[in-house]
């Protein structure tokens, strides 16, 4: 059976869990690095997913109506 893609809310909850674990710093450094990498991967997927949603909204609504909306900054 294929693994289901986590929802945005699930991914945000996981990011919060990772943040708390990193702040506690009560794990070996190797585990902390692995958690950091997992968090960065989740954040990247969320940015990409939200950019895709934004593009769909612009396409549906028409760009002319939303010219005053600045595009999100991508770090």
Protein backbone atom coordinates (compact mmCIF):
# COMPACT_ATOMS: atom_id res chain seq x y z
CA UNK A 1 0.00 0.00 0.00
CA UNK A 2 1.34 3.44 -0.91
CA UNK A 3 2.23 5.81 1.90
CA UNK A 4 -0.15 8.78 2.00
CA UNK A 5 1.26 12.27 1.74
CA UNK A 6 0.92 14.15 5.04
CA UNK A 7 -1.43 17.11 5.05
CA UNK A 8 -0.17 20.66 5.52
CA UNK A 9 -1.44 20.60 9.11
CA UNK A 10 0.34 17.30 9.81
CA UNK A 11 3.57 18.66 8.38
CA UNK A 12 3.28 21.85 10.45
CA UNK A 13 2.68 19.77 13.58
CA UNK A 14 5.76 17.68 12.80
CA UNK A 15 7.82 20.86 12.31
CA UNK A 16 6.68 22.05 15.74
CA UNK A 17 7.67 18.71 17.28
CA UNK A 18 11.08 18.95 15.65
CA UNK A 19 11.52 22.55 16.88
CA UNK A 20 10.76 21.50 20.44
CA UNK A 21 13.17 18.57 20.26
CA UNK A 22 15.93 20.75 18.83
CA UNK A 23 15.42 23.38 21.52
CA UNK A 24 15.57 20.74 24.26
CA UNK A 25 18.93 19.56 22.85
CA UNK A 26 18.77 16.46 25.05
CA UNK A 27 19.75 14.05 22.28
CA UNK A 28 23.05 13.08 20.70
CA UNK A 29 24.28 15.53 18.08
CA UNK A 30 23.74 12.98 15.30
CA UNK A 31 20.03 12.79 16.15
CA UNK A 32 19.76 16.57 16.32
CA UNK A 33 21.33 16.90 12.87
CA UNK A 34 18.93 14.27 11.50
CA UNK A 35 15.98 16.15 13.02
CA UNK A 36 17.24 19.42 11.52
CA UNK A 37 17.53 17.79 8.08
CA UNK A 38 14.02 16.37 8.39
CA UNK A 39 12.67 19.79 9.37
CA UNK A 40 14.40 21.49 6.45
CA UNK A 41 12.99 18.90 4.03
CA UNK A 42 9.47 19.41 5.40
CA UNK A 43 9.84 23.19 5.16
CA UNK A 44 10.98 22.89 1.53
CA UNK A 45 8.00 20.68 0.62
CA UNK A 46 5.63 23.11 2.33
CA UNK A 47 7.10 26.13 0.49
CA UNK A 48 6.78 24.31 -2.84
CA UNK A 49 3.24 23.16 -2.09
CA UNK A 50 2.13 26.63 -0.99
CA UNK A 51 3.72 28.22 -4.07
CA UNK A 52 1.77 25.76 -6.22
CA UNK A 53 -1.47 26.61 -4.41
CA UNK A 54 -0.78 30.33 -4.81
CA UNK A 55 -0.21 29.87 -8.53
CA UNK A 56 -3.48 27.96 -8.88
CA UNK A 57 -5.34 30.76 -7.08
CA UNK A 58 -3.78 33.38 -9.34
CA UNK A 59 -4.68 31.34 -12.41
CA UNK A 60 -8.26 30.84 -11.26
CA UNK A 61 -8.77 34.45 -10.20
CA UNK A 62 -6.90 36.10 -13.04
CA UNK A 63 -3.63 37.97 -12.58
CA UNK A 64 -5.05 41.42 -13.39
CA UNK A 65 -7.15 41.42 -10.24
CA UNK A 66 -4.14 40.60 -8.05
CA UNK A 67 -1.37 42.78 -9.47
CA UNK A 68 -1.00 44.57 -6.13
CA UNK A 69 -0.17 41.33 -4.28
CA UNK A 70 3.57 40.90 -3.87
CA UNK A 71 4.93 37.42 -4.49
CA UNK A 72 6.17 35.56 -1.42
CA UNK A 73 9.87 35.76 -0.71
CA UNK A 74 11.71 32.47 -1.03
CA UNK A 75 14.66 32.13 1.29
